[in-house]
Amino acid sequence: MTAVLATPVYASTVYYVDIVNTSANDVVSFEVASAGSDRFHSVLLGNAPLQGGGEAATIAIRKGDDDGCRRDLRIGFSDGRVLTHRGFDICHYRTYHAERYLRTQTAEVDKP
């Protein structure tokens, strides 16, 4: 499953990131923004939520000349939690494990 985040035409480099849902709950929404901008854009992960327990999807993120490699990611889970991971490096990391980042200092979690 591959999803593409639409960005302006000038963006030339595309980075592919595998989103792996290692949590127990389904991922029901996934959003990406340039780091620190808070301008999140939805990314479709397919026709259904990304099942918990290891289901994965690949997304394509375009990188423009001026927006750098860092992205903020916002993930909504079926239990109502929302994880915001700030500063994920799309140029360096190929895989993102949703649940793993709940334990990092750069993640913020809103609970229902």
PDB file of N, CA and C in Angstrom:
ATOM      1  N   MET A   1       0.839  -1.150   0.000  1.00  0.00           N
ATOM      2  CA  MET A   1       0.000   0.000   0.000  1.00  0.00           C
ATOM      3  C   MET A   1       0.901   1.234   0.000  1.00  0.00           C
ATOM      4  N   THR A   2       0.726   2.187  -0.919  1.00  0.00           N
ATOM      5  CA  THR A   2       1.530   3.388  -0.983  1.00  0.00           C
ATOM      6  C   THR A   2       0.627   4.605  -1.042  1.00  0.00           C
ATOM      7  N   ALA A   3       0.949   5.602  -0.237  1.00  0.00           N
ATOM      8  CA  ALA A   3       0.206   6.856  -0.233  1.00  0.00           C
ATOM      9  C   ALA A   3       1.176   7.978  -0.559  1.00  0.00           C
ATOM     10  N   VAL A   4       0.709   9.005  -1.240  1.00  0.00           N
ATOM     11  CA  VAL A   4       1.572  10.122  -1.612  1.00  0.00           C
ATOM     12  C   VAL A   4       1.036  11.396  -0.987  1.00  0.00           C
ATOM     13  N   LEU A   5       1.942  12.138  -0.353  1.00  0.00           N
ATOM     14  CA  LEU A   5       1.587  13.428   0.221  1.00  0.00           C
ATOM     15  C   LEU A   5       1.789  14.485  -0.851  1.00  0.00           C
ATOM     16  N   ALA A   6       0.733  15.184  -1.203  1.00  0.00           N
ATOM     17  CA  ALA A   6       0.809  16.200  -2.249  1.00  0.00           C
ATOM     18  C   ALA A   6       1.494  17.452  -1.718  1.00  0.00           C
ATOM     19  N   THR A   7       2.457  17.961  -2.482  1.00  0.00           N
ATOM     20  CA  THR A   7       3.151  19.191  -2.155  1.00  0.00           C
ATOM     21  C   THR A   7       3.335  19.985  -3.435  1.00  0.00           C
ATOM     22  N   PRO A   8       3.819  21.206  -3.351  1.00  0.00           N
ATOM     23  CA  PRO A   8       3.966  22.016  -4.552  1.00  0.00           C
ATOM     24  C   PRO A   8       4.839  21.344  -5.615  1.00  0.00           C
ATOM     25  N   VAL A   9       4.658  21.799  -6.858  1.00  0.00           N
ATOM     26  CA  VAL A   9       5.322  21.200  -8.005  1.00  0.00           C
ATOM     27  C   VAL A   9       6.836  21.277  -7.905  1.00  0.00           C
ATOM     28  N   TYR A  10       7.388  22.312  -7.273  1.00  0.00           N
ATOM     29  CA  TYR A  10       8.830  22.482  -7.217  1.00  0.00           C
ATOM     30  C   TYR A  10       9.535  21.410  -6.394  1.00  0.00           C
ATOM     31  N   ALA A  11       8.809  20.689  -5.578  1.00  0.00           N
ATOM     32  CA  ALA A  11       9.413  19.641  -4.759  1.00  0.00           C
ATOM     33  C   ALA A  11       9.901  18.525  -5.667  1.00  0.00           C
ATOM     34  N   SER A  12      11.192  18.204  -5.556  1.00  0.00           N
ATOM     35  CA  SER A  12      11.752  17.274  -6.523  1.00  0.00           C
ATOM     36  C   SER A  12      12.156  15.930  -5.941  1.00  0.00           C
ATOM     37  N   THR A  13      12.565  15.871  -4.705  1.00  0.00           N
ATOM     38  CA  THR A  13      13.032  14.627  -4.119  1.00  0.00           C
ATOM     39  C   THR A  13      11.897  13.948  -3.369  1.00  0.00           C
ATOM     40  N   VAL A  14      11.723  12.656  -3.608  1.00  0.00           N
ATOM     41  CA  VAL A  14      10.686  11.891  -2.919  1.00  0.00           C
ATOM     42  C   VAL A  14      11.360  10.894  -1.986  1.00  0.00           C
ATOM     43  N   TYR A  15      10.912  10.869  -0.738  1.00  0.00           N
ATOM     44  CA  TYR A  15      11.395   9.904   0.247  1.00  0.00           C
ATOM     45  C   TYR A  15      10.244   8.977   0.597  1.00  0.00           C
ATOM     46  N   TYR A  16      10.528   7.689   0.625  1.00  0.00           N
ATOM     47  CA  TYR A  16       9.528   6.690   0.978  1.00  0.00           C
ATOM     48  C   TYR A  16       9.779   6.236   2.406  1.00  0.00           C
ATOM     49  N   VAL A  17       8.719   6.235   3.201  1.00  0.00           N
ATOM     50  CA  VAL A  17       8.814   5.828   4.600  1.00  0.00           C
ATOM     51  C   VAL A  17       7.780   4.741   4.851  1.00  0.00           C
ATOM     52  N   ASP A  18       8.232   3.629   5.416  1.00  0.00           N
ATOM     53  CA  ASP A  18       7.327   2.552   5.812  1.00  0.00           C
ATOM     54  C   ASP A  18       6.773   2.880   7.189  1.00  0.00           C
ATOM     55  N   ILE A  19       5.465   2.965   7.292  1.00  0.00           N
ATOM     56  CA  ILE A  19       4.791   3.206   8.566  1.00  0.00           C
ATOM     57  C   ILE A  19       4.364   1.847   9.098  1.00  0.00           C
ATOM     58  N   VAL A  20       4.925   1.441  10.238  1.00  0.00           N
ATOM     59  CA  VAL A  20       4.616   0.145  10.833  1.00  0.00           C
ATOM     60  C   VAL A  20       3.836   0.396  12.115  1.00  0.00           C
ATOM     61  N   ASN A  21       2.621  -0.139  12.181  1.00  0.00           N
ATOM     62  CA  ASN A  21       1.793   0.055  13.366  1.00  0.00           C
ATOM     63  C   ASN A  21       2.071  -1.059  14.368  1.00  0.00           C
ATOM     64  N   THR A  22       3.023  -0.808  15.248  1.00  0.00           N
ATOM     65  CA  THR A  22       3.399  -1.783  16.268  1.00  0.00           C
ATOM     66  C   THR A  22       2.582  -1.625  17.547  1.00  0.00           C
ATOM     67  N   SER A  23       1.579  -0.759  17.521  1.00  0.00           N
ATOM     68  CA  SER A  23       0.723  -0.600  18.699  1.00  0.00           C
ATOM     69  C   SER A  23      -0.374  -1.659  18.697  1.00  0.00           C
ATOM     70  N   ALA A  24      -1.104  -1.725  19.786  1.00  0.00           N
ATOM     71  CA  ALA A  24      -2.221  -2.673  19.884  1.00  0.00           C
ATOM     72  C   ALA A  24      -3.478  -2.124  19.203  1.00  0.00           C
ATOM     73  N   ASN A  25      -3.528  -0.813  18.991  1.00  0.00           N
ATOM     74  CA  ASN A  25      -4.705  -0.171  18.398  1.00  0.00           C
ATOM     75  C   ASN A  25      -4.459   0.191  16.942  1.00  0.00           C
ATOM     76  N   ASP A  26      -5.542   0.270  16.174  1.00  0.00           N
ATOM     77  CA  ASP A  26      -5.440   0.649  14.768  1.00  0.00           C
ATOM     78  C   ASP A  26      -5.067   2.125  14.636  1.00  0.00           C
ATOM     79  N   VAL A  27      -4.325   2.449  13.578  1.00  0.00           N
ATOM     80  CA  VAL A  27      -4.054   3.839  13.220  1.00  0.00           C
ATOM     81  C   VAL A  27      -5.204   4.285  12.325  1.00  0.00           C
ATOM     82  N   VAL A  28      -5.933   5.314  12.756  1.00  0.00           N
ATOM     83  CA  VAL A  28      -7.093   5.784  11.995  1.00  0.00           C
ATOM     84  C   VAL A  28      -6.816   7.079  11.238  1.00  0.00           C
ATOM     85  N   SER A  29      -5.721   7.765  11.580  1.00  0.00           N
ATOM     86  CA  SER A  29      -5.336   8.958  10.826  1.00  0.00           C
ATOM     87  C   SER A  29      -3.829   9.139  10.901  1.00  0.00           C
ATOM     88  N   PHE A  30      -3.275   9.731   9.838  1.00  0.00           N
ATOM     89  CA  PHE A  30      -1.836   9.991   9.777  1.00  0.00           C
ATOM     90  C   PHE A  30      -1.650  11.310   9.047  1.00  0.00           C
ATOM     91  N   GLU A  31      -0.893  12.221   9.668  1.00  0.00           N
ATOM     92  CA  GLU A  31      -0.681  13.543   9.090  1.00  0.00           C
ATOM     93  C   GLU A  31       0.797  13.915   9.152  1.00  0.00           C
ATOM     94  N   VAL A  32       1.232  14.730   8.199  1.00  0.00           N
ATOM     95  CA  VAL A  32       2.630  15.148   8.104  1.00  0.00           C
ATOM     96  C   VAL A  32       2.684  16.659   7.921  1.00  0.00           C
ATOM     97  N   ALA A  33       3.692  17.301   8.565  1.00  0.00           N
ATOM     98  CA  ALA A  33       3.933  18.735   8.394  1.00  0.00           C
ATOM     99  C   ALA A  33       5.434  18.976   8.377  1.00  0.00           C
ATOM    100  N   SER A  34       5.877  20.030   7.711  1.00  0.00           N
ATOM    101  CA  SER A  34       7.271  20.439   7.837  1.00  0.00           C
ATOM    102  C   SER A  34       7.515  20.742   9.308  1.00  0.00           C
ATOM    103  N   ALA A  35       8.681  20.378   9.813  1.00  0.00           N
ATOM    104  CA  ALA A  35       8.973  20.513  11.241  1.00  0.00           C
ATOM    105  C   ALA A  35       8.706  21.926  11.744  1.00  0.00           C
ATOM    106  N   GLY A  36       7.953  22.008  12.824  1.00  0.00           N
ATOM    107  CA  GLY A  36       7.664  23.267  13.480  1.00  0.00           C
ATOM    108  C   GLY A  36       6.588  24.122  12.839  1.00  0.00           C
ATOM    109  N   SER A  37       6.043  23.691  11.716  1.00  0.00           N
ATOM    110  CA  SER A  37       5.074  24.531  11.002  1.00  0.00           C
ATOM    111  C   SER A  37       3.645  24.380  11.517  1.00  0.00           C
ATOM    112  N   ASP A  38       3.307  23.230  12.070  1.00  0.00           N
ATOM    113  CA  ASP A  38       1.942  22.907  12.498  1.00  0.00           C
ATOM    114  C   ASP A  38       0.936  22.977  11.352  1.00  0.00           C
ATOM    115  N   ARG A  39       1.407  22.897  10.106  1.00  0.00           N
ATOM    116  CA  ARG A  39       0.521  22.839   8.933  1.00  0.00           C
ATOM    117  C   ARG A  39       0.452  21.385   8.473  1.00  0.00           C
ATOM    118  N   PHE A  40      -0.338  20.608   9.190  1.00  0.00           N
ATOM    119  CA  PHE A  40      -0.428  19.173   8.926  1.00  0.00           C
ATOM    120  C   PHE A  40      -1.317  18.892   7.719  1.00  0.00           C
ATOM    121  N   HIS A  41      -0.904  17.894   6.937  1.00  0.00           N
ATOM    122  CA  HIS A  41      -1.651  17.428   5.775  1.00  0.00           C
ATOM    123  C   HIS A  41      -1.920  15.942   5.949  1.00  0.00           C
ATOM    124  N   SER A  42      -3.140  15.531   5.721  1.00  0.00           N
ATOM    125  CA  SER A  42      -3.509  14.115   5.853  1.00  0.00           C
ATOM    126  C   SER A  42      -2.828  13.275   4.787  1.00  0.00           C
ATOM    127  N   VAL A  43      -2.436  12.080   5.204  1.00  0.00           N
ATOM    128  CA  VAL A  43      -1.863  11.091   4.295  1.00  0.00           C
ATOM    129  C   VAL A  43      -2.749   9.854   4.376  1.00  0.00           C
ATOM    130  N   LEU A  44      -3.252   9.413   3.241  1.00  0.00           N
ATOM    131  CA  LEU A  44      -4.075   8.206   3.225  1.00  0.00           C
ATOM    132  C   LEU A  44      -3.182   6.979   3.345  1.00  0.00           C
ATOM    133  N   LEU A  45      -3.582   6.081   4.220  1.00  0.00           N
ATOM    134  CA  LEU A  45      -2.834   4.838   4.419  1.00  0.00           C
ATOM    135  C   LEU A  45      -3.555   3.660   3.788  1.00  0.00           C
ATOM    136  N   GLY A  46      -4.447   3.927   2.877  1.00  0.00           N
ATOM    137  CA  GLY A  46      -5.235   2.873   2.242  1.00  0.00           C
ATOM    138  C   GLY A  46      -6.708   3.121   2.471  1.00  0.00           C
ATOM    139  N   ASN A  47      -7.504   2.099   2.226  1.00  0.00           N
ATOM    140  CA  ASN A  47      -8.961   2.223   2.339  1.00  0.00           C
ATOM    141  C   ASN A  47      -9.502   1.895   3.720  1.00  0.00           C
ATOM    142  N   ALA A  48      -8.643   1.445   4.613  1.00  0.00           N
ATOM    143  CA  ALA A  48      -9.076   1.045   5.955  1.00  0.00           C
ATOM    144  C   ALA A  48      -8.002   1.465   6.955  1.00  0.00           C
ATOM    145  N   PRO A  49      -8.335   1.509   8.249  1.00  0.00           N
ATOM    146  CA  PRO A  49      -7.314   1.823   9.247  1.00  0.00           C
ATOM    147  C   PRO A  49      -6.141   0.846   9.162  1.00  0.00           C
ATOM    148  N   LEU A  50      -4.981   1.310   9.578  1.00  0.00           N
ATOM    149  CA  LEU A  50      -3.785   0.472   9.619  1.00  0.00           C
ATOM    150  C   LEU A  50      -3.857  -0.366  10.892  1.00  0.00           C
ATOM    151  N   GLN A  51      -4.077  -1.650  10.725  1.00  0.00           N
ATOM    152  CA  GLN A  51      -4.299  -2.566  11.846  1.00  0.00           C
ATOM    153  C   GLN A  51      -3.126  -2.581  12.828  1.00  0.00           C
ATOM    154  N   GLY A  52      -3.448  -2.683  14.116  1.00  0.00           N
ATOM    155  CA  GLY A  52      -2.427  -2.817  15.141  1.00  0.00           C
ATOM    156  C   GLY A  52      -1.748  -4.168  15.054  1.00  0.00           C
ATOM    157  N   GLY A  53      -0.590  -4.282  15.683  1.00  0.00           N
ATOM    158  CA  GLY A  53       0.104  -5.560  15.713  1.00  0.00           C
ATOM    159  C   GLY A  53       1.083  -5.775  14.578  1.00  0.00           C
ATOM    160  N   GLY A  54       1.393  -4.742  13.807  1.00  0.00           N
ATOM    161  CA  GLY A  54       2.442  -4.865  12.810  1.00  0.00           C
ATOM    162  C   GLY A  54       2.077  -4.592  11.370  1.00  0.00           C
ATOM    163  N   GLU A  55       0.814  -4.259  11.074  1.00  0.00           N
ATOM    164  CA  GLU A  55       0.473  -3.944   9.688  1.00  0.00           C
ATOM    165  C   GLU A  55       1.243  -2.690   9.258  1.00  0.00           C
ATOM    166  N   ALA A  56       1.646  -2.655   7.983  1.00  0.00           N
ATOM    167  CA  ALA A  56       2.473  -1.555   7.492  1.00  0.00           C
ATOM    168  C   ALA A  56       1.929  -0.985   6.194  1.00  0.00           C
ATOM    169  N   ALA A  57       2.297   0.252   5.937  1.00  0.00           N
ATOM    170  CA  ALA A  57       1.984   0.929   4.674  1.00  0.00           C
ATOM    171  C   ALA A  57       3.179   1.810   4.337  1.00  0.00           C
ATOM    172  N   THR A  58       3.400   2.040   3.064  1.00  0.00           N
ATOM    173  CA  THR A  58       4.486   2.907   2.619  1.00  0.00           C
ATOM    174  C   THR A  58       3.897   4.226   2.139  1.00  0.00           C
ATOM    175  N   ILE A  59       4.477   5.329   2.625  1.00  0.00           N
ATOM    176  CA  ILE A  59       4.046   6.641   2.163  1.00  0.00           C
ATOM    177  C   ILE A  59       5.204   7.313   1.432  1.00  0.00           C
ATOM    178  N   ALA A  60       4.870   8.189   0.515  1.00  0.00           N
ATOM    179  CA  ALA A  60       5.866   8.979  -0.206  1.00  0.00           C
ATOM    180  C   ALA A  60       5.729  10.424   0.251  1.00  0.00           C
ATOM    181  N   ILE A  61       6.848  11.018   0.647  1.00  0.00           N
ATOM    182  CA  ILE A  61       6.857  12.407   1.094  1.00  0.00           C
ATOM    183  C   ILE A  61       7.836  13.169   0.208  1.00  0.00           C
ATOM    184  N   ARG A  62       7.346  14.219  -0.424  1.00  0.00           N
ATOM    185  CA  ARG A  62       8.216  15.049  -1.264  1.00  0.00           C
ATOM    186  C   ARG A  62       8.962  16.060  -0.396  1.00  0.00           C
ATOM    187  N   LYS A  63      10.222  16.268  -0.750  1.00  0.00           N
ATOM    188  CA  LYS A  63      11.057  17.242  -0.043  1.00  0.00           C
ATOM    189  C   LYS A  63      11.419  18.359  -0.997  1.00  0.00           C
ATOM    190  N   GLY A  64      11.033  19.572  -0.650  1.00  0.00           N
ATOM    191  CA  GLY A  64      11.379  20.734  -1.455  1.00  0.00           C
ATOM    192  C   GLY A  64      12.753  21.257  -1.084  1.00  0.00           C
ATOM    193  N   ASP A  65      13.238  22.208  -1.839  1.00  0.00           N
ATOM    194  CA  ASP A  65      14.562  22.777  -1.596  1.00  0.00           C
ATOM    195  C   ASP A  65      14.640  23.526  -0.275  1.00  0.00           C
ATOM    196  N   ASP A  66      13.537  24.083   0.174  1.00  0.00           N
ATOM    197  CA  ASP A  66      13.561  24.953   1.344  1.00  0.00           C
ATOM    198  C   ASP A  66      12.993  24.349   2.619  1.00  0.00           C
ATOM    199  N   ASP A  67      12.481  23.120   2.570  1.00  0.00           N
ATOM    200  CA  ASP A  67      11.799  22.617   3.764  1.00  0.00           C
ATOM    201  C   ASP A  67      12.581  21.575   4.549  1.00  0.00           C
ATOM    202  N   GLY A  68      13.792  21.259   4.181  1.00  0.00           N
ATOM    203  CA  GLY A  68      14.644  20.370   4.964  1.00  0.00           C
ATOM    204  C   GLY A  68      14.126  18.952   5.067  1.00  0.00           C
ATOM    205  N   CYS A  69      14.802  18.163   5.892  1.00  0.00           N
ATOM    206  CA  CYS A  69      14.497  16.736   6.031  1.00  0.00           C
ATOM    207  C   CYS A  69      13.565  16.418   7.194  1.00  0.00           C
ATOM    208  N   ARG A  70      13.412  17.326   8.117  1.00  0.00           N
ATOM    209  CA  ARG A  70      12.629  17.053   9.324  1.00  0.00           C
ATOM    210  C   ARG A  70      11.142  17.266   9.079  1.00  0.00           C
ATOM    211  N   ARG A  71      10.344  16.321   9.610  1.00  0.00           N
ATOM    212  CA  ARG A  71       8.892  16.408   9.512  1.00  0.00           C
ATOM    213  C   ARG A  71       8.280  16.119  10.880  1.00  0.00           C
ATOM    214  N   ASP A  72       7.172  16.768  11.154  1.00  0.00           N
ATOM    215  CA  ASP A  72       6.367  16.442  12.327  1.00  0.00           C
ATOM    216  C   ASP A  72       5.281  15.486  11.861  1.00  0.00           C
ATOM    217  N   LEU A  73       5.072  14.427  12.618  1.00  0.00           N
ATOM    218  CA  LEU A  73       4.083  13.405  12.284  1.00  0.00           C
ATOM    219  C   LEU A  73       3.004  13.400  13.353  1.00  0.00           C
ATOM    220  N   ARG A  74       1.765  13.297  12.947  1.00  0.00           N
ATOM    221  CA  ARG A  74       0.648  13.214  13.903  1.00  0.00           C
ATOM    222  C   ARG A  74      -0.180  11.986  13.545  1.00  0.00           C
ATOM    223  N   ILE A  75      -0.336  11.095  14.532  1.00  0.00           N
ATOM    224  CA  ILE A  75      -0.988   9.802  14.312  1.00  0.00           C
ATOM    225  C   ILE A  75      -2.164   9.672  15.259  1.00  0.00           C
ATOM    226  N   GLY A  76      -3.335   9.353  14.706  1.00  0.00           N
ATOM    227  CA  GLY A  76      -4.529   9.120  15.509  1.00  0.00           C
ATOM    228  C   GLY A  76      -4.796   7.630  15.626  1.00  0.00           C
ATOM    229  N   PHE A  77      -5.021   7.164  16.843  1.00  0.00           N
ATOM    230  CA  PHE A  77      -5.287   5.751  17.104  1.00  0.00           C
ATOM    231  C   PHE A  77      -6.771   5.532  17.383  1.00  0.00           C
ATOM    232  N   SER A  78      -7.218   4.306  17.196  1.00  0.00           N
ATOM    233  CA  SER A  78      -8.639   3.975  17.362  1.00  0.00           C
ATOM    234  C   SER A  78      -9.130   4.131  18.799  1.00  0.00           C
ATOM    235  N   ASP A  79      -8.221   4.159  19.778  1.00  0.00           N
ATOM    236  CA  ASP A  79      -8.638   4.350  21.171  1.00  0.00           C
ATOM    237  C   ASP A  79      -8.729   5.829  21.551  1.00  0.00           C
ATOM    238  N   GLY A  80      -8.510   6.722  20.570  1.00  0.00           N
ATOM    239  CA  GLY A  80      -8.625   8.149  20.820  1.00  0.00           C
ATOM    240  C   GLY A  80      -7.307   8.867  21.073  1.00  0.00           C
ATOM    241  N   ARG A  81      -6.229   8.124  21.304  1.00  0.00           N
ATOM    242  CA  ARG A  81      -4.931   8.768  21.516  1.00  0.00           C
ATOM    243  C   ARG A  81      -4.463   9.423  20.217  1.00  0.00           C
ATOM    244  N   VAL A  82      -3.742  10.533  20.372  1.00  0.00           N
ATOM    245  CA  VAL A  82      -3.111  11.192  19.231  1.00  0.00           C
ATOM    246  C   VAL A  82      -1.641  11.392  19.583  1.00  0.00           C
ATOM    247  N   LEU A  83      -0.766  10.823  18.768  1.00  0.00           N
ATOM    248  CA  LEU A  83       0.673  10.919  18.967  1.00  0.00           C
ATOM    249  C   LEU A  83       1.222  11.958  18.004  1.00  0.00           C
ATOM    250  N   THR A  84       1.977  12.921  18.525  1.00  0.00           N
ATOM    251  CA  THR A  84       2.680  13.872  17.671  1.00  0.00           C
ATOM    252  C   THR A  84       4.167  13.651  17.868  1.00  0.00           C
ATOM    253  N   HIS A  85       4.836  13.272  16.796  1.00  0.00           N
ATOM    254  CA  HIS A  85       6.285  13.064  16.837  1.00  0.00           C
ATOM    255  C   HIS A  85       6.926  14.227  16.087  1.00  0.00           C
ATOM    256  N   ARG A  86       7.716  15.011  16.797  1.00  0.00           N
ATOM    257  CA  ARG A  86       8.337  16.201  16.217  1.00  0.00           C
ATOM    258  C   ARG A  86       9.739  15.880  15.698  1.00  0.00           C
ATOM    259  N   GLY A  87      10.050  16.368  14.504  1.00  0.00           N
ATOM    260  CA  GLY A  87      11.406  16.300  13.983  1.00  0.00           C
ATOM    261  C   GLY A  87      11.847  14.969  13.415  1.00  0.00           C
ATOM    262  N   PHE A  88      10.936  14.162  12.896  1.00  0.00           N
ATOM    263  CA  PHE A  88      11.321  12.887  12.283  1.00  0.00           C
ATOM    264  C   PHE A  88      12.107  13.185  11.007  1.00  0.00           C
ATOM    265  N   ASP A  89      13.262  12.552  10.832  1.00  0.00           N
ATOM    266  CA  ASP A  89      14.163  12.809   9.707  1.00  0.00           C
ATOM    267  C   ASP A  89      13.859  11.866   8.546  1.00  0.00           C
ATOM    268  N   ILE A  90      13.153  12.377   7.519  1.00  0.00           N
ATOM    269  CA  ILE A  90      12.776  11.537   6.374  1.00  0.00           C
ATOM    270  C   ILE A  90      13.968  11.208   5.480  1.00  0.00           C
ATOM    271  N   CYS A  91      15.040  11.988   5.568  1.00  0.00           N
ATOM    272  CA  CYS A  91      16.224  11.729   4.743  1.00  0.00           C
ATOM    273  C   CYS A  91      17.078  10.606   5.325  1.00  0.00           C
ATOM    274  N   HIS A  92      16.960  10.377   6.614  1.00  0.00           N
ATOM    275  CA  HIS A  92      17.810   9.406   7.297  1.00  0.00           C
ATOM    276  C   HIS A  92      17.096   8.101   7.633  1.00  0.00           C
ATOM    277  N   TYR A  93      15.822   8.170   7.994  1.00  0.00           N
ATOM    278  CA  TYR A  93      15.083   6.984   8.433  1.00  0.00           C
ATOM    279  C   TYR A  93      14.098   6.523   7.370  1.00  0.00           C
ATOM    280  N   ARG A  94      14.072   5.240   7.121  1.00  0.00           N
ATOM    281  CA  ARG A  94      13.202   4.635   6.106  1.00  0.00           C
ATOM    282  C   ARG A  94      11.946   4.029   6.728  1.00  0.00           C
ATOM    283  N   THR A  95      11.988   3.751   8.039  1.00  0.00           N
ATOM    284  CA  THR A  95      10.878   3.079   8.718  1.00  0.00           C
ATOM    285  C   THR A  95      10.472   3.860   9.964  1.00  0.00           C
ATOM    286  N   TYR A  96       9.165   3.950  10.183  1.00  0.00           N
ATOM    287  CA  TYR A  96       8.626   4.600  11.370  1.00  0.00           C
ATOM    288  C   TYR A  96       7.724   3.607  12.085  1.00  0.00           C
ATOM    289  N   HIS A  97       8.067   3.269  13.341  1.00  0.00           N
ATOM    290  CA  HIS A  97       7.270   2.353  14.164  1.00  0.00           C
ATOM    291  C   HIS A  97       6.427   3.191  15.123  1.00  0.00           C
ATOM    292  N   ALA A  98       5.128   3.207  14.900  1.00  0.00           N
ATOM    293  CA  ALA A  98       4.233   4.104  15.624  1.00  0.00           C
ATOM    294  C   ALA A  98       4.330   3.971  17.141  1.00  0.00           C
ATOM    295  N   GLU A  99       4.232   2.796  17.677  1.00  0.00           N
ATOM    296  CA  GLU A  99       4.203   2.625  19.136  1.00  0.00           C
ATOM    297  C   GLU A  99       5.561   2.903  19.775  1.00  0.00           C
ATOM    298  N   ARG A 100       6.630   2.601  19.085  1.00  0.00           N
ATOM    299  CA  ARG A 100       7.973   2.784  19.643  1.00  0.00           C
ATOM    300  C   ARG A 100       8.202   4.228  20.071  1.00  0.00           C
ATOM    301  N   TYR A 101       7.683   5.175  19.314  1.00  0.00           N
ATOM    302  CA  TYR A 101       7.945   6.579  19.588  1.00  0.00           C
ATOM    303  C   TYR A 101       7.085   7.155  20.705  1.00  0.00           C
ATOM    304  N   LEU A 102       6.161   6.367  21.226  1.00  0.00           N
ATOM    305  CA  LEU A 102       5.400   6.817  22.393  1.00  0.00           C
ATOM    306  C   LEU A 102       6.307   6.964  23.608  1.00  0.00           C
ATOM    307  N   ARG A 103       7.454   6.293  23.576  1.00  0.00           N
ATOM    308  CA  ARG A 103       8.370   6.312  24.716  1.00  0.00           C
ATOM    309  C   ARG A 103       9.516   7.302  24.550  1.00  0.00           C
ATOM    310  N   THR A 104       9.531   8.096  23.474  1.00  0.00           N
ATOM    311  CA  THR A 104      10.645   9.014  23.255  1.00  0.00           C
ATOM    312  C   THR A 104      10.325  10.397  23.785  1.00  0.00           C
ATOM    313  N   GLN A 105      11.350  11.182  23.952  1.00  0.00           N
ATOM    314  CA  GLN A 105      11.180  12.541  24.458  1.00  0.00           C
ATOM    315  C   GLN A 105      10.559  13.474  23.425  1.00  0.00           C
ATOM    316  N   THR A 106      10.623  13.121  22.129  1.00  0.00           N
ATOM    317  CA  THR A 106      10.114  14.013  21.090  1.00  0.00           C
ATOM    318  C   THR A 106       8.657  13.744  20.762  1.00  0.00           C
ATOM    319  N   ALA A 107       8.039  12.812  21.469  1.00  0.00           N
ATOM    320  CA  ALA A 107       6.642  12.475  21.181  1.00  0.00           C
ATOM    321  C   ALA A 107       5.723  13.119  22.214  1.00  0.00           C
ATOM    322  N   GLU A 108       4.617  13.633  21.743  1.00  0.00           N
ATOM    323  CA  GLU A 108       3.578  14.165  22.621  1.00  0.00           C
ATOM    324  C   GLU A 108       2.345  13.311  22.407  1.00  0.00           C
ATOM    325  N   VAL A 109       1.690  12.930  23.490  1.00  0.00           N
ATOM    326  CA  VAL A 109       0.504  12.091  23.364  1.00  0.00           C
ATOM    327  C   VAL A 109      -0.671  12.783  24.033  1.00  0.00           C
ATOM    328  N   ASP A 110      -1.736  12.946  23.272  1.00  0.00           N
ATOM    329  CA  ASP A 110      -2.996  13.445  23.819  1.00  0.00           C
ATOM    330  C   ASP A 110      -3.879  12.239  24.051  1.00  0.00           C
ATOM    331  N   LYS A 111      -4.414  12.118  25.255  1.00  0.00           N
ATOM    332  CA  LYS A 111      -5.282  10.985  25.585  1.00  0.00           C
ATOM    333  C   LYS A 111      -6.718  11.465  25.686  1.00  0.00           C
ATOM    334  N   PRO A 112      -7.665  10.569  25.349  1.00  0.00           N
ATOM    335  CA  PRO A 112      -9.087  10.957  25.405  1.00  0.00           C
ATOM    336  C   PRO A 112      -9.542  11.279  26.817  1.00  0.00           C
TER     337      PRO A 112
END
